[in-house]
Amino acid sequence: MKPEKLVIVLAGLAVFLSVALSLTVSPWWLLLAGFVGLNLSVSAFLEGTKI
């Protein structure tokens, strides 16, 4: 599996886990889902650029 695909799979699992934890433990776990989503959005715009 390519590293790019692995990152996307791990991000999806993190979002799924945080939503499940927010339903069962605390709504504060939604912050993790928001952070992962924001990180994926930023990485989509910065793909191929050198910082």
Protein backbone atom coordinates (compact mmCIF):
# COMPACT_ATOMS: atom_id res chain seq x y z
CA MET A 1 0.00 0.00 0.00
CA LYS A 2 1.31 3.44 -0.89
CA PRO A 3 2.03 5.78 2.03
CA GLU A 4 -0.51 8.31 0.71
CA LYS A 5 -3.28 5.73 0.83
CA LEU A 6 -2.21 4.59 4.28
CA VAL A 7 -2.48 8.14 5.60
CA ILE A 8 -6.00 8.46 4.22
CA VAL A 9 -7.03 5.12 5.74
CA LEU A 10 -5.62 6.07 9.14
CA ALA A 11 -7.36 9.46 8.98
CA GLY A 12 -10.66 7.75 8.20
CA LEU A 13 -10.21 5.38 11.12
CA ALA A 14 -9.40 8.31 13.42
CA VAL A 15 -12.59 10.11 12.37
CA PHE A 16 -14.67 6.96 12.81
CA LEU A 17 -13.16 6.29 16.23
CA SER A 18 -13.67 9.87 17.39
CA VAL A 19 -17.33 9.88 16.33
CA ALA A 20 -17.90 6.57 18.11
CA LEU A 21 -16.19 7.89 21.24
CA SER A 22 -18.21 11.11 21.10
CA LEU A 23 -21.43 9.09 21.09
CA THR A 24 -20.38 6.85 23.96
CA VAL A 25 -17.93 8.80 26.14
CA SER A 26 -17.91 12.56 25.61
CA PRO A 27 -18.81 15.02 22.83
CA TRP A 28 -15.33 16.53 23.21
CA TRP A 29 -14.03 13.67 21.04
CA LEU A 30 -15.53 15.50 18.05
CA LEU A 31 -12.59 17.89 18.29
CA LEU A 32 -10.39 15.05 17.06
CA ALA A 33 -12.65 14.52 14.04
CA GLY A 34 -12.55 18.24 13.30
CA PHE A 35 -8.78 18.35 13.59
CA VAL A 36 -8.34 15.37 11.28
CA GLY A 37 -10.75 16.87 8.73
CA LEU A 38 -8.97 20.21 8.83
CA ASN A 39 -5.61 18.49 8.41
CA LEU A 40 -6.86 16.54 5.38
CA SER A 41 -8.24 19.72 3.82
CA VAL A 42 -5.00 21.63 4.31
CA SER A 43 -2.92 18.74 2.97
CA ALA A 44 -5.07 18.62 -0.17
CA PHE A 45 -4.24 22.25 -0.92
CA LEU A 46 -0.55 21.92 -0.07
CA GLU A 47 0.07 18.69 -1.97
CA GLY A 48 3.07 19.05 -4.20
CA THR A 49 4.29 22.30 -2.66
CA LYS A 50 7.53 22.65 -0.79
CA ILE A 51 7.43 24.51 2.50
